[in-house]
C-alpha atoms as a PDB file:
ATOM      1  CA  MET A   1     -57.265  15.967  12.422  1.00  0.00           C
ATOM      2  CA  CYS A   2     -59.226  15.823   8.955  1.00  0.00           C
ATOM      3  CA  GLY A   3     -56.441  14.116   7.554  1.00  0.00           C
ATOM      4  CA  GLU A   4     -55.404  16.479   5.076  1.00  0.00           C
ATOM      5  CA  PRO A   5     -52.147  17.378   4.652  1.00  0.00           C
ATOM      6  CA  VAL A   6     -50.225  20.352   6.897  1.00  0.00           C
ATOM      7  CA  TYR A   7     -48.402  22.411   4.304  1.00  0.00           C
ATOM      8  CA  LYS A   8     -45.259  24.446   5.844  1.00  0.00           C
ATOM      9  CA  PRO A   9     -46.049  27.857   5.389  1.00  0.00           C
ATOM     10  CA  ALA A  10     -43.702  30.448   3.583  1.00  0.00           C
ATOM     11  CA  GLN A  11     -42.690  31.748   6.771  1.00  0.00           C
ATOM     12  CA  GLY A  12     -42.313  30.125  10.707  1.00  0.00           C
ATOM     13  CA  PRO A  13     -42.978  26.280  12.234  1.00  0.00           C
ATOM     14  CA  VAL A  14     -44.897  24.155  10.638  1.00  0.00           C
ATOM     15  CA  PRO A  15     -48.697  23.906  12.413  1.00  0.00           C
ATOM     16  CA  ASP A  16     -49.849  21.308  14.009  1.00  0.00           C
ATOM     17  CA  PHE A  17     -53.448  21.089  12.075  1.00  0.00           C
ATOM     18  CA  CYS A  18     -54.665  22.338   9.110  1.00  0.00           C
ATOM     19  CA  SER A  19     -57.468  24.630   9.973  1.00  0.00           C
ATOM     20  CA  ASP A  20     -59.052  26.494  12.769  1.00  0.00           C
ATOM     21  CA  ARG A  21     -61.681  24.286  12.622  1.00  0.00           C
ATOM     22  CA  CYS A  22     -59.229  21.139  13.556  1.00  0.00           C
ATOM     23  CA  ARG A  23     -57.932  23.211  15.812  1.00  0.00           C
ATOM     24  CA  ASN A  24     -60.925  23.591  18.047  1.00  0.00           C
ATOM     25  CA  ARG A  25     -61.722  20.296  17.420  1.00  0.00           C
ATOM     26  CA  TRP A  26     -58.532  18.949  19.329  1.00  0.00           C
ATOM     27  CA  ASN A  27     -59.153  21.455  21.699  1.00  0.00           C
ATOM     28  CA  ARG A  28     -62.626  20.008  22.256  1.00  0.00           C
ATOM     29  CA  LEU A  29     -62.278  16.693  22.103  1.00  0.00           C
ATOM     30  CA  THR A  30     -58.824  16.487  24.475  1.00  0.00           C
ATOM     31  CA  ARG A  31     -61.065  18.850  26.914  1.00  0.00           C
ATOM     32  CA  THR A  32     -63.982  15.859  27.193  1.00  0.00           C
ATOM     33  CA  GLY A  33     -61.340  13.036  27.219  1.00  0.00           C
ATOM     34  CA  THR A  34     -61.903  11.674  24.355  1.00  0.00           C
ATOM     35  CA  SER A  35     -59.228  11.479  21.316  1.00  0.00           C
ATOM     36  CA  ALA A  36     -59.698  11.512  17.310  1.00  0.00           C
ATOM     37  CA  ARG A  37     -56.696   9.978  16.782  1.00  0.00           C
ATOM     38  CA  PRO A  38     -54.349   7.513  19.287  1.00  0.00           C
ATOM     39  CA  ARG A  39     -52.143   9.503  21.558  1.00  0.00           C
ATOM     40  CA  ARG A  40     -48.501   9.317  21.508  1.00  0.00           C
ATOM     41  CA  SER A  41     -46.183   8.299  23.677  1.00  0.00           C
ATOM     42  CA  CYS A  42     -43.041   7.783  24.137  1.00  0.00           C
ATOM     43  CA  HIS A  43     -40.867   5.088  22.493  1.00  0.00           C
ATOM     44  CA  GLU A  44     -38.179   4.504  25.279  1.00  0.00           C
ATOM     45  CA  CYS A  45     -40.907   4.970  28.464  1.00  0.00           C
ATOM     46  CA  GLY A  46     -43.847   5.091  27.578  1.00  0.00           C
ATOM     47  CA  ALA A  47     -45.092   8.314  28.776  1.00  0.00           C
ATOM     48  CA  ARG A  48     -47.572  10.007  26.513  1.00  0.00           C
ATOM     49  CA  LEU A  49     -46.314  13.163  24.468  1.00  0.00           C
ATOM     50  CA  ASP A  50     -47.440  16.383  24.671  1.00  0.00           C
ATOM     51  CA  THR A  51     -49.875  17.524  21.415  1.00  0.00           C
ATOM     52  CA  GLY A  52     -47.344  19.490  19.833  1.00  0.00           C
ATOM     53  CA  THR A  53     -43.837  17.820  20.766  1.00  0.00           C
ATOM     54  CA  ARG A  54     -42.965  16.439  17.137  1.00  0.00           C
ATOM     55  CA  GLY A  55     -40.290  13.567  18.422  1.00  0.00           C
ATOM     56  CA  GLU A  56     -40.541  10.171  18.928  1.00  0.00           C
ATOM     57  CA  TYR A  57     -38.848  10.477  22.576  1.00  0.00           C
ATOM     58  CA  CYS A  58     -40.077  12.548  25.488  1.00  0.00           C
ATOM     59  CA  GLY A  59     -36.664  14.108  26.529  1.00  0.00           C
ATOM     60  CA  ASP A  60     -32.859  13.694  25.640  1.00  0.00           C
ATOM     61  CA  ALA A  61     -31.942  10.266  28.741  1.00  0.00           C
ATOM     62  CA  CYS A  62     -34.923   8.555  26.413  1.00  0.00           C
ATOM     63  CA  ARG A  63     -33.472   9.287  23.315  1.00  0.00           C
ATOM     64  CA  LYS A  64     -29.775   7.979  24.628  1.00  0.00           C
ATOM     65  CA  ALA A  65     -31.315   5.219  25.573  1.00  0.00           C
ATOM     66  CA  HIS A  66     -33.184   3.975  23.241  1.00  0.00           C
ATOM     67  CA  ASP A  67     -29.987   4.533  20.718  1.00  0.00           C
ATOM     68  CA  TYR A  68     -27.661   2.214  23.208  1.00  0.00           C
ATOM     69  CA  LYS A  69     -30.271  -0.262  22.963  1.00  0.00           C
ATOM     70  CA  THR A  70     -30.546  -0.585  19.300  1.00  0.00           C
ATOM     71  CA  ALA A  71     -26.631   0.040  19.425  1.00  0.00           C
ATOM     72  CA  ARG A  72     -26.312  -3.061  21.271  1.00  0.00           C
ATOM     73  CA  ASP A  73     -28.781  -4.977  19.377  1.00  0.00           C
ATOM     74  CA  ARG A  74     -26.799  -4.089  16.575  1.00  0.00           C
ATOM     75  CA  ARG A  75     -23.865  -5.210  17.824  1.00  0.00           C
ATOM     76  CA  THR A  76     -25.100  -8.375  19.398  1.00  0.00           C
ATOM     77  CA  LEU A  77     -26.386  -9.250  15.231  1.00  0.00           C
ATOM     78  CA  ARG A  78     -22.632  -8.191  14.382  1.00  0.00           C
ATOM     79  CA  SER A  79     -21.152 -10.408  16.498  1.00  0.00           C
ATOM     80  CA  ALA A  80     -23.632 -12.867  15.504  1.00  0.00           C
ATOM     81  CA  ALA A  81     -22.119 -12.901  11.698  1.00  0.00           C
ATOM     82  CA  ASN A  82     -18.975 -11.960  12.167  1.00  0.00           C
ATOM     83  CA  ALA A  83     -19.101 -16.155  14.555  1.00  0.00           C
ATOM     84  CA  GLY A  84     -20.853 -17.420  11.248  1.00  0.00           C
ATOM     85  CA  THR A  85     -17.909 -15.984   9.274  1.00  0.00           C
ATOM     86  CA  ILE A  86     -15.367 -16.692  11.354  1.00  0.00           C
ATOM     87  CA  GLU A  87     -16.778 -20.102  11.477  1.00  0.00           C
ATOM     88  CA  ARG A  88     -17.431 -20.688   7.434  1.00  0.00           C
ATOM     89  CA  LEU A  89     -13.345 -18.497   6.885  1.00  0.00           C
ATOM     90  CA  ARG A  90     -11.844 -21.723   9.149  1.00  0.00           C
ATOM     91  CA  MET A  91     -14.079 -24.124   7.463  1.00  0.00           C
ATOM     92  CA  ASN A  92     -12.290 -23.043   4.680  1.00  0.00           C
ATOM     93  CA  ALA A  93      -8.959 -22.703   6.158  1.00  0.00           C
ATOM     94  CA  ASP A  94      -9.198 -26.107   7.078  1.00  0.00           C
ATOM     95  CA  ASP A  95     -10.434 -26.986   3.301  1.00  0.00           C
ATOM     96  CA  LEU A  96      -7.658 -25.326   2.081  1.00  0.00           C
ATOM     97  CA  LEU A  97      -4.639 -26.951   4.812  1.00  0.00           C
ATOM     98  CA  THR A  98      -5.743 -30.118   3.223  1.00  0.00           C
ATOM     99  CA  ARG A  99      -5.899 -28.976  -0.594  1.00  0.00           C
ATOM    100  CA  ALA A 100      -1.781 -28.211   0.507  1.00  0.00           C
ATOM    101  CA  HIS A 101      -0.933 -31.174   2.076  1.00  0.00           C
ATOM    102  CA  ALA A 102      -2.504 -32.811  -0.946  1.00  0.00           C
ATOM    103  CA  ILE A 103      -0.724 -30.996  -3.428  1.00  0.00           C
ATOM    104  CA  GLU A 104       2.664 -31.256  -1.062  1.00  0.00           C
ATOM    105  CA  LEU A 105       2.498 -34.911  -1.300  1.00  0.00           C
ATOM    106  CA  ASP A 106       1.834 -34.912  -4.684  1.00  0.00           C
ATOM    107  CA  THR A 107       4.504 -33.184  -5.302  1.00  0.00           C
ATOM    108  CA  GLU A 108       6.730 -34.741  -4.007  1.00  0.00           C
ATOM    109  CA  THR A 109       5.625 -37.924  -5.498  1.00  0.00           C
ATOM    110  CA  ILE A 110       5.802 -36.110  -9.076  1.00  0.00           C
ATOM    111  CA  ARG A 111      10.233 -35.448  -7.853  1.00  0.00           C
ATOM    112  CA  ARG A 112      10.780 -39.134  -7.033  1.00  0.00           C
ATOM    113  CA  HIS A 113       9.186 -40.602 -10.104  1.00  0.00           C
ATOM    114  CA  GLY A 114      11.300 -37.622 -11.703  1.00  0.00           C
ATOM    115  CA  ILE A 115      14.792 -38.656 -10.098  1.00  0.00           C
ATOM    116  CA  GLU A 116      13.526 -42.498 -10.805  1.00  0.00           C
ATOM    117  CA  THR A 117      12.869 -41.643 -14.191  1.00  0.00           C
ATOM    118  CA  ARG A 118      15.774 -39.618 -14.992  1.00  0.00           C
ATOM    119  CA  ALA A 119      18.041 -42.975 -13.428  1.00  0.00           C
ATOM    120  CA  ARG A 120      16.077 -45.418 -15.748  1.00  0.00           C
ATOM    121  CA  THR A 121      16.749 -42.599 -18.861  1.00  0.00           C
ATOM    122  CA  HIS A 122      20.548 -42.731 -18.032  1.00  0.00           C
ATOM    123  CA  ILE A 123      20.343 -46.644 -17.669  1.00  0.00           C
ATOM    124  CA  LEU A 124      18.598 -46.780 -21.012  1.00  0.00           C
ATOM    125  CA  LEU A 125      21.216 -44.746 -23.242  1.00  0.00           C
ATOM    126  CA  MET A 126      24.163 -46.153 -21.357  1.00  0.00           C
ATOM    127  CA  ARG A 127      22.825 -49.536 -22.499  1.00  0.00           C
ATOM    128  CA  MET A 128      22.772 -48.333 -25.924  1.00  0.00           C
ATOM    129  CA  LEU A 129      26.152 -46.723 -26.151  1.00  0.00           C
ATOM    130  CA  THR A 130      27.290 -49.817 -24.450  1.00  0.00           C
ATOM    131  CA  LEU A 131      25.153 -51.764 -27.891  1.00  0.00           C
ATOM    132  CA  ALA A 132      26.735 -49.882 -29.932  1.00  0.00           C
ATOM    133  CA  ALA A 133      30.162 -49.689 -28.780  1.00  0.00           C
ATOM    134  CA  VAL A 134      30.020 -53.615 -28.432  1.00  0.00           C
ATOM    135  CA  HIS A 135      28.015 -54.372 -32.092  1.00  0.00           C
ATOM    136  CA  ASP A 136      29.495 -51.593 -34.247  1.00  0.00           C
ATOM    137  CA  PRO A 137      32.599 -50.185 -32.677  1.00  0.00           C
ATOM    138  CA  ARG A 138      33.163 -47.708 -36.065  1.00  0.00           C
ATOM    139  CA  SER A 139      30.185 -46.040 -35.549  1.00  0.00           C
ATOM    140  CA  VAL A 140      30.657 -44.631 -31.711  1.00  0.00           C
ATOM    141  CA  THR A 141      34.278 -44.275 -32.966  1.00  0.00           C
ATOM    142  CA  GLN A 142      33.338 -41.953 -36.658  1.00  0.00           C
ATOM    143  CA  ALA A 143      30.614 -40.583 -33.745  1.00  0.00           C
ATOM    144  CA  GLY A 144      29.704 -37.127 -34.889  1.00  0.00           C
ATOM    145  CA  PRO A 145      27.965 -34.247 -32.268  1.00  0.00           C
ATOM    146  CA  ASP A 146      25.081 -34.315 -34.641  1.00  0.00           C
ATOM    147  CA  GLY A 147      24.865 -37.624 -35.144  1.00  0.00           C
ATOM    148  CA  GLN A 148      22.732 -40.035 -33.455  1.00  0.00           C
ATOM    149  CA  ILE A 149      25.800 -41.563 -31.558  1.00  0.00           C
ATOM    150  CA  GLY A 150      26.768 -38.095 -30.787  1.00  0.00           C
ATOM    151  CA  ARG A 151      23.258 -37.118 -29.222  1.00  0.00           C
ATOM    152  CA  ILE A 152      23.084 -40.410 -27.647  1.00  0.00           C
ATOM    153  CA  ILE A 153      26.176 -39.162 -25.580  1.00  0.00           C
ATOM    154  CA  ASP A 154      24.969 -35.171 -24.570  1.00  0.00           C
ATOM    155  CA  ALA A 155      21.888 -36.706 -23.124  1.00  0.00           C
ATOM    156  CA  CYS A 156      24.206 -39.538 -21.343  1.00  0.00           C
ATOM    157  CA  ASP A 157      25.945 -36.647 -20.002  1.00  0.00           C
ATOM    158  CA  ARG A 158      23.127 -34.134 -19.309  1.00  0.00           C
ATOM    159  CA  THR A 159      21.335 -37.406 -17.371  1.00  0.00           C
ATOM    160  CA  GLY A 160      23.808 -38.436 -14.825  1.00  0.00           C
ATOM    161  CA  GLU A 161      26.972 -36.729 -14.456  1.00  0.00           C
ATOM    162  CA  ASP A 162      29.702 -35.484 -16.415  1.00  0.00           C
ATOM    163  CA  GLY A 163      31.933 -38.315 -18.222  1.00  0.00           C
ATOM    164  CA  ASP A 164      29.684 -41.036 -17.893  1.00  0.00           C
ATOM    165  CA  ALA A 165      29.251 -41.597 -21.603  1.00  0.00           C
ATOM    166  CA  GLU A 166      32.928 -41.185 -21.985  1.00  0.00           C
ATOM    167  CA  ARG A 167      34.045 -43.716 -19.025  1.00  0.00           C
ATOM    168  CA  LEU A 168      31.114 -46.065 -20.521  1.00  0.00           C
ATOM    169  CA  LEU A 169      32.626 -46.103 -24.066  1.00  0.00           C
ATOM    170  CA  ARG A 170      36.710 -46.664 -22.531  1.00  0.00           C
ATOM    171  CA  ARG A 171      35.312 -49.457 -21.053  1.00  0.00           C
ATOM    172  CA  HIS A 172      33.824 -51.066 -23.925  1.00  0.00           C
ATOM    173  CA  GLY A 173      35.850 -49.661 -26.094  1.00  0.00           C
ATOM    174  CA  PRO A 174      36.868 -50.863 -29.411  1.00  0.00           C
ATOM    175  CA  ALA A 175      40.136 -53.009 -28.214  1.00  0.00           C
ATOM    176  CA  ARG A 176      38.428 -55.579 -26.814  1.00  0.00           C
ATOM    177  CA  GLY A 177      35.743 -55.305 -30.024  1.00  0.00           C
ATOM    178  CA  ALA A 178      37.733 -54.894 -32.796  1.00  0.00           C
ATOM    179  CA  ALA A 179      41.033 -56.805 -31.568  1.00  0.00           C
ATOM    180  CA  GLY A 180      43.417 -57.665 -33.885  1.00  0.00           C
ATOM    181  CA  LYS A 181      42.039 -55.290 -36.523  1.00  0.00           C
ATOM    182  CA  GLY A 182      45.276 -53.239 -35.901  1.00  0.00           C
ATOM    183  CA  GLU A 183      43.152 -49.554 -35.713  1.00  0.00           C
ATOM    184  CA  ASP A 184      43.223 -46.994 -33.711  1.00  0.00           C
ATOM    185  CA  HIS A 185      40.406 -45.280 -32.121  1.00  0.00           C
ATOM    186  CA  ALA A 186      39.631 -41.624 -31.381  1.00  0.00           C
ATOM    187  CA  TRP A 187      36.570 -42.274 -29.003  1.00  0.00           C
ATOM    188  CA  PRO A 188      34.359 -38.172 -28.674  1.00  0.00           C
ATOM    189  CA  SER A 189      34.710 -36.456 -25.778  1.00  0.00           C
ATOM    190  CA  ALA A 190      31.998 -35.461 -23.712  1.00  0.00           C
END
């Protein structure tokens, strides 16, 4: 009533007033119909609460009804937040699908370029062996596995089918390039 804090005694409930003087003043004001402070009312139905009541509702029914309404409001807010989250996730999923499709196309392009590059490399290696067999047959017949011709033969077999280099060397062998010299050549096997 006077604004002075009300302290809980060592035993018993917390009093409504700080002193007898405040209680008497309160009783006097309520008898005359005036009030020193606004009367409290129920949060749900608006009914006036008794002076000594410490709750915010006039009964359990009003408390449960108010809890139900606030829970419904919370559910509405939560569902709205979930709808926004779902929409953001859907947009992210669409973006990720677009990126995945682009990566898939890039992967396919890289794979095709790899196959084409491997085929071109194989053709270039075969041409190098052909030039070596035609212009310097001795370098092919005396080629060791660690020499340049041996490495070209190995690379040729790795990029194409096994035995491609050997078939090529038989076709462009020293019998054609060194005709009439009478040399017997042993071709390295792959």
